[in-house]
């Protein structure tokens, strides 16, 4: 199999650097670093031993290098600028920002508080959560990589909604905790050492921009979900504890069986046996989502715990998983 050339924009950010790490060990692609103007003045270079070739981030460079695909590990505003250019140059695009995750420009403006400047692309962008969108990803020209919090939440919640076992009138509570790298590499007071260390804080309460992705994929209404994000003093990882009232379930075995049926052929979802629960350490630097369940059948109280590495399954690893589907490789290539 011949190698494809793929470009990486934003390679100095946390997700972009993780992409470079994964792509340099992938057997069927050669990564090309694409220098965007906002990349040039800060951030680490990949180590010399892993240094891929570098080119300017222009349509001309994409054509000259015959890039099959370009990753945009950039802020949403930069992705809105670059995605149309990369597509016109003939490359597929996997965007790691929120620029193309929602279905219409109005929803984007509501949640991101910005005007969407490429609304015509929202019609063709495919949401890149492979466990639910695999067929569309394989044929897509523009793939929108999911947010890290929604990845962990939807893999836990959607099978239960599909199975009709949640009492939706009682609501669903999703309590998410993330390491500091989820905020990106750009310096800010909120993510500085003195603010984060020995601390634990909630943020974006009731209006987190990842909420609409959970609603969209799991098929629930905003009034049914209470999502709160928390910043914890670790560098990477997400753990979400999801609380709901179950119906039509008489045992925890039945709850676990729903996941076993849904994910029996999914290589990156791991289920814990009853009595066990995932933690952040078990998914560190992997593309796995680990899920554990608990049910008190007498009261209907149920808890599901979902854990991922926010930089891998929540960003770069999932982007490589999407690339594998888009370019016709084995889905697990370069990730196991």
C-alpha atoms as a PDB file:
ATOM      1  CA  UNK A   1       0.000   0.000   0.000  1.00  0.00           C
ATOM      2  CA  UNK A   2       1.396   3.390  -1.024  1.00  0.00           C
ATOM      3  CA  UNK A   3       1.720   6.059   1.628  1.00  0.00           C
ATOM      4  CA  UNK A   4      -0.499   9.142   1.551  1.00  0.00           C
ATOM      5  CA  UNK A   5       0.798  12.574   2.442  1.00  0.00           C
ATOM      6  CA  UNK A   6      -1.299  14.376   5.060  1.00  0.00           C
ATOM      7  CA  UNK A   7      -0.934  17.896   6.395  1.00  0.00           C
ATOM      8  CA  UNK A   8      -1.125  19.103  10.001  1.00  0.00           C
ATOM      9  CA  UNK A   9      -1.991  22.718  10.788  1.00  0.00           C
ATOM     10  CA  UNK A  10      -1.654  23.783  14.423  1.00  0.00           C
ATOM     11  CA  UNK A  11       1.038  21.249  15.213  1.00  0.00           C
ATOM     12  CA  UNK A  12       2.381  23.280  18.134  1.00  0.00           C
ATOM     13  CA  UNK A  13      -0.831  23.011  20.143  1.00  0.00           C
ATOM     14  CA  UNK A  14      -1.474  20.095  22.464  1.00  0.00           C
ATOM     15  CA  UNK A  15      -3.828  18.258  20.087  1.00  0.00           C
ATOM     16  CA  UNK A  16      -1.658  19.060  17.071  1.00  0.00           C
ATOM     17  CA  UNK A  17       1.480  17.779  18.779  1.00  0.00           C
ATOM     18  CA  UNK A  18      -0.389  14.599  19.706  1.00  0.00           C
ATOM     19  CA  UNK A  19      -1.398  14.239  16.056  1.00  0.00           C
ATOM     20  CA  UNK A  20       2.213  14.491  14.939  1.00  0.00           C
ATOM     21  CA  UNK A  21       3.197  11.836  17.483  1.00  0.00           C
ATOM     22  CA  UNK A  22       0.547   9.437  16.195  1.00  0.00           C
ATOM     23  CA  UNK A  23       1.061  10.134  12.501  1.00  0.00           C
ATOM     24  CA  UNK A  24       4.838   9.688  12.578  1.00  0.00           C
ATOM     25  CA  UNK A  25       4.309   6.081  13.664  1.00  0.00           C
ATOM     26  CA  UNK A  26       1.426   5.384  11.262  1.00  0.00           C
ATOM     27  CA  UNK A  27       2.547   2.881   8.604  1.00  0.00           C
ATOM     28  CA  UNK A  28       0.599   4.382   5.678  1.00  0.00           C
ATOM     29  CA  UNK A  29       0.921   8.171   5.926  1.00  0.00           C
ATOM     30  CA  UNK A  30       3.693  10.750   5.769  1.00  0.00           C
ATOM     31  CA  UNK A  31       2.834  13.877   7.797  1.00  0.00           C
ATOM     32  CA  UNK A  32       3.678  17.337   6.470  1.00  0.00           C
ATOM     33  CA  UNK A  33       3.708  20.259   8.903  1.00  0.00           C
ATOM     34  CA  UNK A  34       1.789  23.222   7.512  1.00  0.00           C
ATOM     35  CA  UNK A  35       2.936  26.542   8.940  1.00  0.00           C
ATOM     36  CA  UNK A  36       0.085  28.953   9.561  1.00  0.00           C
ATOM     37  CA  UNK A  37       0.783  32.535  10.574  1.00  0.00           C
ATOM     38  CA  UNK A  38      -0.439  31.896  14.118  1.00  0.00           C
ATOM     39  CA  UNK A  39       1.925  28.925  14.469  1.00  0.00           C
ATOM     40  CA  UNK A  40       5.153  30.710  13.772  1.00  0.00           C
ATOM     41  CA  UNK A  41       5.986  32.595  16.960  1.00  0.00           C
ATOM     42  CA  UNK A  42       5.356  30.236  19.854  1.00  0.00           C
ATOM     43  CA  UNK A  43       5.230  26.642  20.955  1.00  0.00           C
ATOM     44  CA  UNK A  44       7.581  23.682  20.721  1.00  0.00           C
ATOM     45  CA  UNK A  45       8.750  22.072  17.509  1.00  0.00           C
ATOM     46  CA  UNK A  46       8.482  18.282  17.211  1.00  0.00           C
ATOM     47  CA  UNK A  47      11.722  16.613  18.262  1.00  0.00           C
ATOM     48  CA  UNK A  48      14.374  16.392  15.560  1.00  0.00           C
ATOM     49  CA  UNK A  49      14.081  12.600  15.414  1.00  0.00           C
ATOM     50  CA  UNK A  50      10.400  12.935  14.556  1.00  0.00           C
ATOM     51  CA  UNK A  51      10.555  16.191  12.547  1.00  0.00           C
ATOM     52  CA  UNK A  52       8.369  15.819   9.452  1.00  0.00           C
ATOM     53  CA  UNK A  53       8.789  18.110   6.473  1.00  0.00           C
ATOM     54  CA  UNK A  54       7.384  21.637   6.816  1.00  0.00           C
ATOM     55  CA  UNK A  55       5.560  23.748   4.227  1.00  0.00           C
ATOM     56  CA  UNK A  56       3.544  26.959   4.253  1.00  0.00           C
ATOM     57  CA  UNK A  57      -0.167  26.452   4.814  1.00  0.00           C
ATOM     58  CA  UNK A  58      -1.383  27.491   1.369  1.00  0.00           C
ATOM     59  CA  UNK A  59      -3.582  25.875  -1.290  1.00  0.00           C
ATOM     60  CA  UNK A  60      -0.550  25.901  -3.565  1.00  0.00           C
ATOM     61  CA  UNK A  61       1.460  23.834  -1.078  1.00  0.00           C
ATOM     62  CA  UNK A  62      -1.429  21.386  -0.659  1.00  0.00           C
ATOM     63  CA  UNK A  63      -1.554  20.876  -4.429  1.00  0.00           C
ATOM     64  CA  UNK A  64       2.221  20.719  -4.860  1.00  0.00           C
ATOM     65  CA  UNK A  65       2.554  18.071  -2.163  1.00  0.00           C
ATOM     66  CA  UNK A  66      -0.554  16.189  -3.379  1.00  0.00           C
ATOM     67  CA  UNK A  67      -1.890  16.095   0.172  1.00  0.00           C
ATOM     68  CA  UNK A  68      -4.750  13.618   0.476  1.00  0.00           C
ATOM     69  CA  UNK A  69      -5.994  15.114   3.731  1.00  0.00           C
ATOM     70  CA  UNK A  70      -5.335  18.074   6.021  1.00  0.00           C
ATOM     71  CA  UNK A  71      -5.894  18.135   9.789  1.00  0.00           C
ATOM     72  CA  UNK A  72      -6.875  21.489  11.261  1.00  0.00           C
ATOM     73  CA  UNK A  73      -5.842  21.460  14.935  1.00  0.00           C
ATOM     74  CA  UNK A  74      -6.699  25.139  15.132  1.00  0.00           C
ATOM     75  CA  UNK A  75      -9.177  27.487  16.834  1.00  0.00           C
ATOM     76  CA  UNK A  76     -12.607  27.617  15.215  1.00  0.00           C
ATOM     77  CA  UNK A  77     -11.977  30.987  13.590  1.00  0.00           C
ATOM     78  CA  UNK A  78      -8.828  29.717  11.874  1.00  0.00           C
ATOM     79  CA  UNK A  79     -10.619  26.539  10.745  1.00  0.00           C
ATOM     80  CA  UNK A  80     -13.394  28.646   9.214  1.00  0.00           C
ATOM     81  CA  UNK A  81     -10.742  30.488   7.219  1.00  0.00           C
ATOM     82  CA  UNK A  82      -8.661  27.485   6.157  1.00  0.00           C
ATOM     83  CA  UNK A  83     -11.148  24.670   5.585  1.00  0.00           C
ATOM     84  CA  UNK A  84     -12.639  26.129   2.371  1.00  0.00           C
ATOM     85  CA  UNK A  85      -9.139  26.736   1.002  1.00  0.00           C
ATOM     86  CA  UNK A  86      -7.953  23.195   1.744  1.00  0.00           C
ATOM     87  CA  UNK A  87     -11.087  21.678   0.215  1.00  0.00           C
ATOM     88  CA  UNK A  88     -10.744  23.761  -2.961  1.00  0.00           C
ATOM     89  CA  UNK A  89      -7.150  22.559  -3.196  1.00  0.00           C
ATOM     90  CA  UNK A  90      -8.426  18.974  -3.397  1.00  0.00           C
ATOM     91  CA  UNK A  91      -7.665  17.683   0.103  1.00  0.00           C
ATOM     92  CA  UNK A  92     -10.093  16.135   2.535  1.00  0.00           C
ATOM     93  CA  UNK A  93     -10.277  18.007   5.834  1.00  0.00           C
ATOM     94  CA  UNK A  94     -10.554  16.772   9.406  1.00  0.00           C
ATOM     95  CA  UNK A  95     -11.243  19.737  11.663  1.00  0.00           C
ATOM     96  CA  UNK A  96     -10.543  19.382  15.384  1.00  0.00           C
ATOM     97  CA  UNK A  97     -12.267  22.646  16.343  1.00  0.00           C
ATOM     98  CA  UNK A  98     -15.957  23.307  16.874  1.00  0.00           C
ATOM     99  CA  UNK A  99     -16.327  25.153  13.562  1.00  0.00           C
ATOM    100  CA  UNK A 100     -18.364  22.477  11.779  1.00  0.00           C
ATOM    101  CA  UNK A 101     -19.827  20.324  14.564  1.00  0.00           C
ATOM    102  CA  UNK A 102     -23.303  21.835  14.649  1.00  0.00           C
ATOM    103  CA  UNK A 103     -25.925  21.578  11.947  1.00  0.00           C
ATOM    104  CA  UNK A 104     -26.701  25.225  11.289  1.00  0.00           C
ATOM    105  CA  UNK A 105     -25.154  28.659  11.600  1.00  0.00           C
ATOM    106  CA  UNK A 106     -27.793  29.833  14.074  1.00  0.00           C
ATOM    107  CA  UNK A 107     -26.902  27.103  16.569  1.00  0.00           C
ATOM    108  CA  UNK A 108     -23.217  27.896  16.127  1.00  0.00           C
ATOM    109  CA  UNK A 109     -23.792  31.576  16.831  1.00  0.00           C
ATOM    110  CA  UNK A 110     -25.897  30.747  19.899  1.00  0.00           C
ATOM    111  CA  UNK A 111     -23.358  28.440  21.530  1.00  0.00           C
ATOM    112  CA  UNK A 112     -20.059  29.900  20.280  1.00  0.00           C
ATOM    113  CA  UNK A 113     -21.105  33.575  20.402  1.00  0.00           C
ATOM    114  CA  UNK A 114     -19.572  34.144  16.972  1.00  0.00           C
ATOM    115  CA  UNK A 115     -20.841  34.410  13.402  1.00  0.00           C
ATOM    116  CA  UNK A 116     -20.248  31.369  11.211  1.00  0.00           C
ATOM    117  CA  UNK A 117     -18.444  32.496   8.065  1.00  0.00           C
ATOM    118  CA  UNK A 118     -18.768  29.289   6.012  1.00  0.00           C
ATOM    119  CA  UNK A 119     -22.378  28.156   6.574  1.00  0.00           C
ATOM    120  CA  UNK A 120     -22.509  26.375   3.214  1.00  0.00           C
ATOM    121  CA  UNK A 121     -20.030  23.789   4.549  1.00  0.00           C
ATOM    122  CA  UNK A 122     -22.259  22.869   7.487  1.00  0.00           C
ATOM    123  CA  UNK A 123     -24.521  21.040   5.028  1.00  0.00           C
ATOM    124  CA  UNK A 124     -21.807  18.591   4.031  1.00  0.00           C
ATOM    125  CA  UNK A 125     -19.706  18.314   7.190  1.00  0.00           C
ATOM    126  CA  UNK A 126     -19.963  14.854   8.777  1.00  0.00           C
ATOM    127  CA  UNK A 127     -19.750  14.532  12.542  1.00  0.00           C
ATOM    128  CA  UNK A 128     -16.754  12.323  13.222  1.00  0.00           C
ATOM    129  CA  UNK A 129     -17.770  10.016  16.054  1.00  0.00           C
ATOM    130  CA  UNK A 130     -16.964   6.694  14.334  1.00  0.00           C
ATOM    131  CA  UNK A 131     -19.008   4.500  16.656  1.00  0.00           C
ATOM    132  CA  UNK A 132     -22.162   6.251  15.415  1.00  0.00           C
ATOM    133  CA  UNK A 133     -21.217   7.919  12.101  1.00  0.00           C
ATOM    134  CA  UNK A 134     -18.877   5.413  10.458  1.00  0.00           C
ATOM    135  CA  UNK A 135     -20.578   5.153   7.044  1.00  0.00           C
ATOM    136  CA  UNK A 136     -20.775   8.903   6.555  1.00  0.00           C
ATOM    137  CA  UNK A 137     -17.149   9.419   7.572  1.00  0.00           C
ATOM    138  CA  UNK A 138     -15.850   7.035   4.930  1.00  0.00           C
ATOM    139  CA  UNK A 139     -17.450   9.085   2.142  1.00  0.00           C
ATOM    140  CA  UNK A 140     -16.985  12.578   3.595  1.00  0.00           C
ATOM    141  CA  UNK A 141     -14.911  15.423   2.234  1.00  0.00           C
ATOM    142  CA  UNK A 142     -15.141  17.433   5.486  1.00  0.00           C
ATOM    143  CA  UNK A 143     -15.117  15.630   8.845  1.00  0.00           C
ATOM    144  CA  UNK A 144     -15.760  17.479  12.087  1.00  0.00           C
ATOM    145  CA  UNK A 145     -13.929  15.837  14.962  1.00  0.00           C
ATOM    146  CA  UNK A 146     -16.133  15.747  18.100  1.00  0.00           C
ATOM    147  CA  UNK A 147     -15.379  17.624  21.282  1.00  0.00           C
ATOM    148  CA  UNK A 148     -13.720  15.716  24.103  1.00  0.00           C
ATOM    149  CA  UNK A 149     -16.555  16.014  26.631  1.00  0.00           C
ATOM    150  CA  UNK A 150     -19.241  14.956  24.089  1.00  0.00           C
ATOM    151  CA  UNK A 151     -17.184  11.948  23.014  1.00  0.00           C
ATOM    152  CA  UNK A 152     -17.192  10.509  26.530  1.00  0.00           C
ATOM    153  CA  UNK A 153     -20.806  11.574  27.158  1.00  0.00           C
ATOM    154  CA  UNK A 154     -22.361  10.301  23.934  1.00  0.00           C
ATOM    155  CA  UNK A 155     -20.651   6.924  24.072  1.00  0.00           C
ATOM    156  CA  UNK A 156     -22.223   6.507  27.533  1.00  0.00           C
ATOM    157  CA  UNK A 157     -25.641   8.097  27.001  1.00  0.00           C
ATOM    158  CA  UNK A 158     -26.733   7.309  23.440  1.00  0.00           C
ATOM    159  CA  UNK A 159     -27.129   3.506  23.847  1.00  0.00           C
ATOM    160  CA  UNK A 160     -29.354   4.090  26.886  1.00  0.00           C
ATOM    161  CA  UNK A 161     -31.563   6.588  25.052  1.00  0.00           C
ATOM    162  CA  UNK A 162     -31.784   4.233  22.076  1.00  0.00           C
ATOM    163  CA  UNK A 163     -32.721   1.413  24.436  1.00  0.00           C
ATOM    164  CA  UNK A 164     -35.428   3.476  26.146  1.00  0.00           C
ATOM    165  CA  UNK A 165     -34.190   2.685  29.650  1.00  0.00           C
ATOM    166  CA  UNK A 166     -33.780   6.237  30.984  1.00  0.00           C
ATOM    167  CA  UNK A 167     -36.653   7.970  32.725  1.00  0.00           C
ATOM    168  CA  UNK A 168     -36.174  11.175  30.764  1.00  0.00           C
ATOM    169  CA  UNK A 169     -38.692  13.086  32.874  1.00  0.00           C
ATOM    170  CA  UNK A 170     -36.239  12.826  35.791  1.00  0.00           C
ATOM    171  CA  UNK A 171     -33.401  14.314  33.746  1.00  0.00           C
ATOM    172  CA  UNK A 172     -29.797  13.253  33.168  1.00  0.00           C
ATOM    173  CA  UNK A 173     -26.889  14.733  35.101  1.00  0.00           C
ATOM    174  CA  UNK A 174     -23.453  14.629  33.461  1.00  0.00           C
ATOM    175  CA  UNK A 175     -20.611  15.644  35.757  1.00  0.00           C
ATOM    176  CA  UNK A 176     -17.437  16.061  33.678  1.00  0.00           C
ATOM    177  CA  UNK A 177     -13.870  16.489  34.921  1.00  0.00           C
ATOM    178  CA  UNK A 178     -10.977  17.369  32.613  1.00  0.00           C
ATOM    179  CA  UNK A 179      -7.252  17.882  32.761  1.00  0.00           C
ATOM    180  CA  UNK A 180      -5.859  21.319  31.933  1.00  0.00           C
ATOM    181  CA  UNK A 181      -4.696  20.453  28.393  1.00  0.00           C
ATOM    182  CA  UNK A 182      -8.369  20.475  27.383  1.00  0.00           C
ATOM    183  CA  UNK A 183      -8.243  24.281  27.542  1.00  0.00           C
ATOM    184  CA  UNK A 184      -5.541  24.422  24.875  1.00  0.00           C
ATOM    185  CA  UNK A 185      -1.983  25.710  24.940  1.00  0.00           C
ATOM    186  CA  UNK A 186      -2.642  29.448  24.749  1.00  0.00           C
ATOM    187  CA  UNK A 187      -1.651  30.956  28.107  1.00  0.00           C
ATOM    188  CA  UNK A 188      -4.427  32.241  30.362  1.00  0.00           C
ATOM    189  CA  UNK A 189      -4.822  33.137  34.025  1.00  0.00           C
ATOM    190  CA  UNK A 190      -7.434  30.403  34.512  1.00  0.00           C
ATOM    191  CA  UNK A 191      -5.039  27.639  33.440  1.00  0.00           C
ATOM    192  CA  UNK A 192      -1.871  29.011  35.019  1.00  0.00           C
ATOM    193  CA  UNK A 193      -0.038  26.886  37.589  1.00  0.00           C
ATOM    194  CA  UNK A 194      -1.021  28.982  40.608  1.00  0.00           C
ATOM    195  CA  UNK A 195      -4.711  28.911  39.678  1.00  0.00           C
ATOM    196  CA  UNK A 196      -4.921  25.181  38.882  1.00  0.00           C
ATOM    197  CA  UNK A 197      -2.643  23.414  41.315  1.00  0.00           C
ATOM    198  CA  UNK A 198      -4.330  22.154  44.521  1.00  0.00           C
ATOM    199  CA  UNK A 199      -7.626  23.415  43.105  1.00  0.00           C
ATOM    200  CA  UNK A 200     -10.830  22.053  41.573  1.00  0.00           C
ATOM    201  CA  UNK A 201     -13.268  24.379  39.820  1.00  0.00           C
ATOM    202  CA  UNK A 202     -16.474  24.295  37.774  1.00  0.00           C
ATOM    203  CA  UNK A 203     -16.874  26.397  34.651  1.00  0.00           C
ATOM    204  CA  UNK A 204     -19.304  27.223  31.799  1.00  0.00           C
ATOM    205  CA  UNK A 205     -22.215  26.057  33.980  1.00  0.00           C
ATOM    206  CA  UNK A 206     -25.402  25.445  31.948  1.00  0.00           C
ATOM    207  CA  UNK A 207     -23.938  27.027  28.803  1.00  0.00           C
ATOM    208  CA  UNK A 208     -20.895  24.945  27.865  1.00  0.00           C
ATOM    209  CA  UNK A 209     -20.418  24.974  24.080  1.00  0.00           C
ATOM    210  CA  UNK A 210     -20.097  21.173  23.995  1.00  0.00           C
ATOM    211  CA  UNK A 211     -23.665  20.671  25.228  1.00  0.00           C
ATOM    212  CA  UNK A 212     -25.320  20.826  21.775  1.00  0.00           C
ATOM    213  CA  UNK A 213     -23.133  17.955  20.541  1.00  0.00           C
ATOM    214  CA  UNK A 214     -24.444  15.753  23.337  1.00  0.00           C
ATOM    215  CA  UNK A 215     -28.021  16.716  22.522  1.00  0.00           C
ATOM    216  CA  UNK A 216     -27.510  16.194  18.782  1.00  0.00           C
ATOM    217  CA  UNK A 217     -25.938  12.723  18.960  1.00  0.00           C
ATOM    218  CA  UNK A 218     -27.805  11.249  21.902  1.00  0.00           C
ATOM    219  CA  UNK A 219     -31.153  12.631  20.773  1.00  0.00           C
ATOM    220  CA  UNK A 220     -32.193  14.452  23.927  1.00  0.00           C
ATOM    221  CA  UNK A 221     -33.496  17.928  24.687  1.00  0.00           C
ATOM    222  CA  UNK A 222     -31.548  20.619  26.487  1.00  0.00           C
ATOM    223  CA  UNK A 223     -34.131  20.587  29.279  1.00  0.00           C
ATOM    224  CA  UNK A 224     -33.328  16.919  29.947  1.00  0.00           C
ATOM    225  CA  UNK A 225     -29.576  17.367  30.473  1.00  0.00           C
ATOM    226  CA  UNK A 226     -27.598  19.093  33.207  1.00  0.00           C
ATOM    227  CA  UNK A 227     -23.927  19.179  32.197  1.00  0.00           C
ATOM    228  CA  UNK A 228     -21.192  20.745  34.304  1.00  0.00           C
ATOM    229  CA  UNK A 229     -17.520  20.819  33.354  1.00  0.00           C
ATOM    230  CA  UNK A 230     -14.786  20.878  36.002  1.00  0.00           C
ATOM    231  CA  UNK A 231     -11.084  21.648  35.750  1.00  0.00           C
ATOM    232  CA  UNK A 232      -8.872  19.332  37.775  1.00  0.00           C
ATOM    233  CA  UNK A 233      -5.122  19.728  38.433  1.00  0.00           C
ATOM    234  CA  UNK A 234      -3.805  17.081  36.036  1.00  0.00           C
ATOM    235  CA  UNK A 235      -2.404  17.539  32.548  1.00  0.00           C
ATOM    236  CA  UNK A 236      -4.727  15.250  30.570  1.00  0.00           C
ATOM    237  CA  UNK A 237      -7.737  12.951  30.792  1.00  0.00           C
ATOM    238  CA  UNK A 238     -11.520  13.195  31.162  1.00  0.00           C
ATOM    239  CA  UNK A 239     -13.789  11.325  33.553  1.00  0.00           C
ATOM    240  CA  UNK A 240     -17.554  11.808  33.371  1.00  0.00           C
ATOM    241  CA  UNK A 241     -19.992  10.528  35.975  1.00  0.00           C
ATOM    242  CA  UNK A 242     -23.515  10.299  34.574  1.00  0.00           C
ATOM    243  CA  UNK A 243     -26.552   9.996  36.858  1.00  0.00           C
ATOM    244  CA  UNK A 244     -30.092   9.069  35.793  1.00  0.00           C
ATOM    245  CA  UNK A 245     -33.220   7.193  36.844  1.00  0.00           C
ATOM    246  CA  UNK A 246     -33.580   3.868  35.068  1.00  0.00           C
ATOM    247  CA  UNK A 247     -36.808   2.240  34.028  1.00  0.00           C
ATOM    248  CA  UNK A 248     -37.578  -1.304  32.878  1.00  0.00           C
ATOM    249  CA  UNK A 249     -34.318  -2.600  34.328  1.00  0.00           C
ATOM    250  CA  UNK A 250     -34.299  -5.195  37.064  1.00  0.00           C
ATOM    251  CA  UNK A 251     -30.542  -5.612  37.494  1.00  0.00           C
ATOM    252  CA  UNK A 252     -27.161  -4.079  36.753  1.00  0.00           C
ATOM    253  CA  UNK A 253     -26.522  -7.030  34.431  1.00  0.00           C
ATOM    254  CA  UNK A 254     -29.300  -5.780  32.173  1.00  0.00           C
ATOM    255  CA  UNK A 255     -27.768  -2.309  32.130  1.00  0.00           C
ATOM    256  CA  UNK A 256     -24.346  -3.662  31.230  1.00  0.00           C
ATOM    257  CA  UNK A 257     -25.869  -5.897  28.558  1.00  0.00           C
ATOM    258  CA  UNK A 258     -27.134  -2.830  26.678  1.00  0.00           C
ATOM    259  CA  UNK A 259     -23.544  -1.683  26.248  1.00  0.00           C
ATOM    260  CA  UNK A 260     -22.282  -5.157  25.458  1.00  0.00           C
ATOM    261  CA  UNK A 261     -24.734  -5.478  22.570  1.00  0.00           C
ATOM    262  CA  UNK A 262     -23.993  -1.993  21.244  1.00  0.00           C
ATOM    263  CA  UNK A 263     -20.215  -2.117  21.477  1.00  0.00           C
ATOM    264  CA  UNK A 264     -19.355  -5.770  20.972  1.00  0.00           C
ATOM    265  CA  UNK A 265     -17.611  -5.004  17.673  1.00  0.00           C
ATOM    266  CA  UNK A 266     -16.161  -1.612  18.573  1.00  0.00           C
ATOM    267  CA  UNK A 267     -12.368  -1.742  18.987  1.00  0.00           C
ATOM    268  CA  UNK A 268     -12.050   1.418  21.073  1.00  0.00           C
ATOM    269  CA  UNK A 269     -14.810   0.989  23.659  1.00  0.00           C
ATOM    270  CA  UNK A 270     -13.934  -1.132  26.692  1.00  0.00           C
ATOM    271  CA  UNK A 271     -16.572  -2.200  29.220  1.00  0.00           C
ATOM    272  CA  UNK A 272     -15.819  -2.925  32.849  1.00  0.00           C
ATOM    273  CA  UNK A 273     -17.365  -5.961  34.540  1.00  0.00           C
ATOM    274  CA  UNK A 274     -19.825  -5.230  37.323  1.00  0.00           C
ATOM    275  CA  UNK A 275     -18.034  -4.003  40.427  1.00  0.00           C
ATOM    276  CA  UNK A 276     -15.319  -2.250  38.443  1.00  0.00           C
ATOM    277  CA  UNK A 277     -15.093   1.380  37.331  1.00  0.00           C
ATOM    278  CA  UNK A 278     -12.701   3.116  34.945  1.00  0.00           C
ATOM    279  CA  UNK A 279     -10.377   5.905  35.915  1.00  0.00           C
ATOM    280  CA  UNK A 280      -8.260   8.375  33.991  1.00  0.00           C
ATOM    281  CA  UNK A 281      -5.006   6.483  34.419  1.00  0.00           C
ATOM    282  CA  UNK A 282      -6.307   3.422  32.552  1.00  0.00           C
ATOM    283  CA  UNK A 283      -6.977   5.429  29.373  1.00  0.00           C
ATOM    284  CA  UNK A 284      -3.888   7.653  29.490  1.00  0.00           C
ATOM    285  CA  UNK A 285      -2.367   8.072  25.989  1.00  0.00           C
ATOM    286  CA  UNK A 286      -4.796   5.580  24.458  1.00  0.00           C
ATOM    287  CA  UNK A 287      -7.716   5.896  22.033  1.00  0.00           C
ATOM    288  CA  UNK A 288     -10.029   3.922  24.322  1.00  0.00           C
ATOM    289  CA  UNK A 289     -13.236   4.988  25.998  1.00  0.00           C
ATOM    290  CA  UNK A 290     -13.735   2.945  29.168  1.00  0.00           C
ATOM    291  CA  UNK A 291     -17.240   2.558  30.619  1.00  0.00           C
ATOM    292  CA  UNK A 292     -18.473   1.156  33.938  1.00  0.00           C
ATOM    293  CA  UNK A 293     -22.024   0.908  35.315  1.00  0.00           C
ATOM    294  CA  UNK A 294     -23.861   0.707  38.654  1.00  0.00           C
ATOM    295  CA  UNK A 295     -27.592   0.266  39.293  1.00  0.00           C
ATOM    296  CA  UNK A 296     -29.723   0.185  42.430  1.00  0.00           C
ATOM    297  CA  UNK A 297     -32.697  -1.689  40.992  1.00  0.00           C
ATOM    298  CA  UNK A 298     -34.889  -1.060  44.041  1.00  0.00           C
ATOM    299  CA  UNK A 299     -34.826   2.726  43.541  1.00  0.00           C
ATOM    300  CA  UNK A 300     -33.930   2.971  39.857  1.00  0.00           C
ATOM    301  CA  UNK A 301     -30.842   5.070  40.622  1.00  0.00           C
ATOM    302  CA  UNK A 302     -28.148   4.436  38.018  1.00  0.00           C
ATOM    303  CA  UNK A 303     -24.605   5.692  37.488  1.00  0.00           C
ATOM    304  CA  UNK A 304     -22.404   5.312  34.413  1.00  0.00           C
ATOM    305  CA  UNK A 305     -18.740   6.341  34.450  1.00  0.00           C
ATOM    306  CA  UNK A 306     -16.991   7.114  31.154  1.00  0.00           C
ATOM    307  CA  UNK A 307     -13.262   7.879  30.814  1.00  0.00           C
ATOM    308  CA  UNK A 308     -11.089   8.981  27.888  1.00  0.00           C
ATOM    309  CA  UNK A 309      -7.803  10.727  27.222  1.00  0.00           C
ATOM    310  CA  UNK A 310      -8.945  14.153  26.033  1.00  0.00           C
ATOM    311  CA  UNK A 311      -5.962  14.510  23.681  1.00  0.00           C
ATOM    312  CA  UNK A 312      -6.342  11.069  22.083  1.00  0.00           C
ATOM    313  CA  UNK A 313      -9.900   9.690  21.895  1.00  0.00           C
ATOM    314  CA  UNK A 314     -11.051  13.240  22.648  1.00  0.00           C
ATOM    315  CA  UNK A 315      -8.988  14.816  19.859  1.00  0.00           C
ATOM    316  CA  UNK A 316      -5.964  13.517  17.916  1.00  0.00           C
ATOM    317  CA  UNK A 317      -6.567   9.768  18.235  1.00  0.00           C
ATOM    318  CA  UNK A 318     -10.162  10.100  17.105  1.00  0.00           C
ATOM    319  CA  UNK A 319      -8.943  12.281  14.235  1.00  0.00           C
ATOM    320  CA  UNK A 320      -6.582   9.487  13.156  1.00  0.00           C
ATOM    321  CA  UNK A 321      -9.439   6.990  13.529  1.00  0.00           C
ATOM    322  CA  UNK A 322     -11.465   9.215  11.187  1.00  0.00           C
ATOM    323  CA  UNK A 323      -8.546   9.496   8.779  1.00  0.00           C
ATOM    324  CA  UNK A 324      -8.266   5.718   8.638  1.00  0.00           C
ATOM    325  CA  UNK A 325     -11.913   5.501   7.627  1.00  0.00           C
ATOM    326  CA  UNK A 326     -11.658   8.351   5.133  1.00  0.00           C
ATOM    327  CA  UNK A 327      -8.558   6.973   3.394  1.00  0.00           C
ATOM    328  CA  UNK A 328      -9.555   3.317   3.465  1.00  0.00           C
ATOM    329  CA  UNK A 329      -7.154   1.973   6.109  1.00  0.00           C
ATOM    330  CA  UNK A 330      -7.996  -0.400   8.910  1.00  0.00           C
ATOM    331  CA  UNK A 331      -9.750   1.703  11.533  1.00  0.00           C
ATOM    332  CA  UNK A 332      -7.267   0.737  14.255  1.00  0.00           C
ATOM    333  CA  UNK A 333      -4.148   1.432  12.171  1.00  0.00           C
ATOM    334  CA  UNK A 334      -1.563   3.408  14.111  1.00  0.00           C
ATOM    335  CA  UNK A 335      -3.708   3.443  17.272  1.00  0.00           C
ATOM    336  CA  UNK A 336      -3.187   0.007  18.837  1.00  0.00           C
END
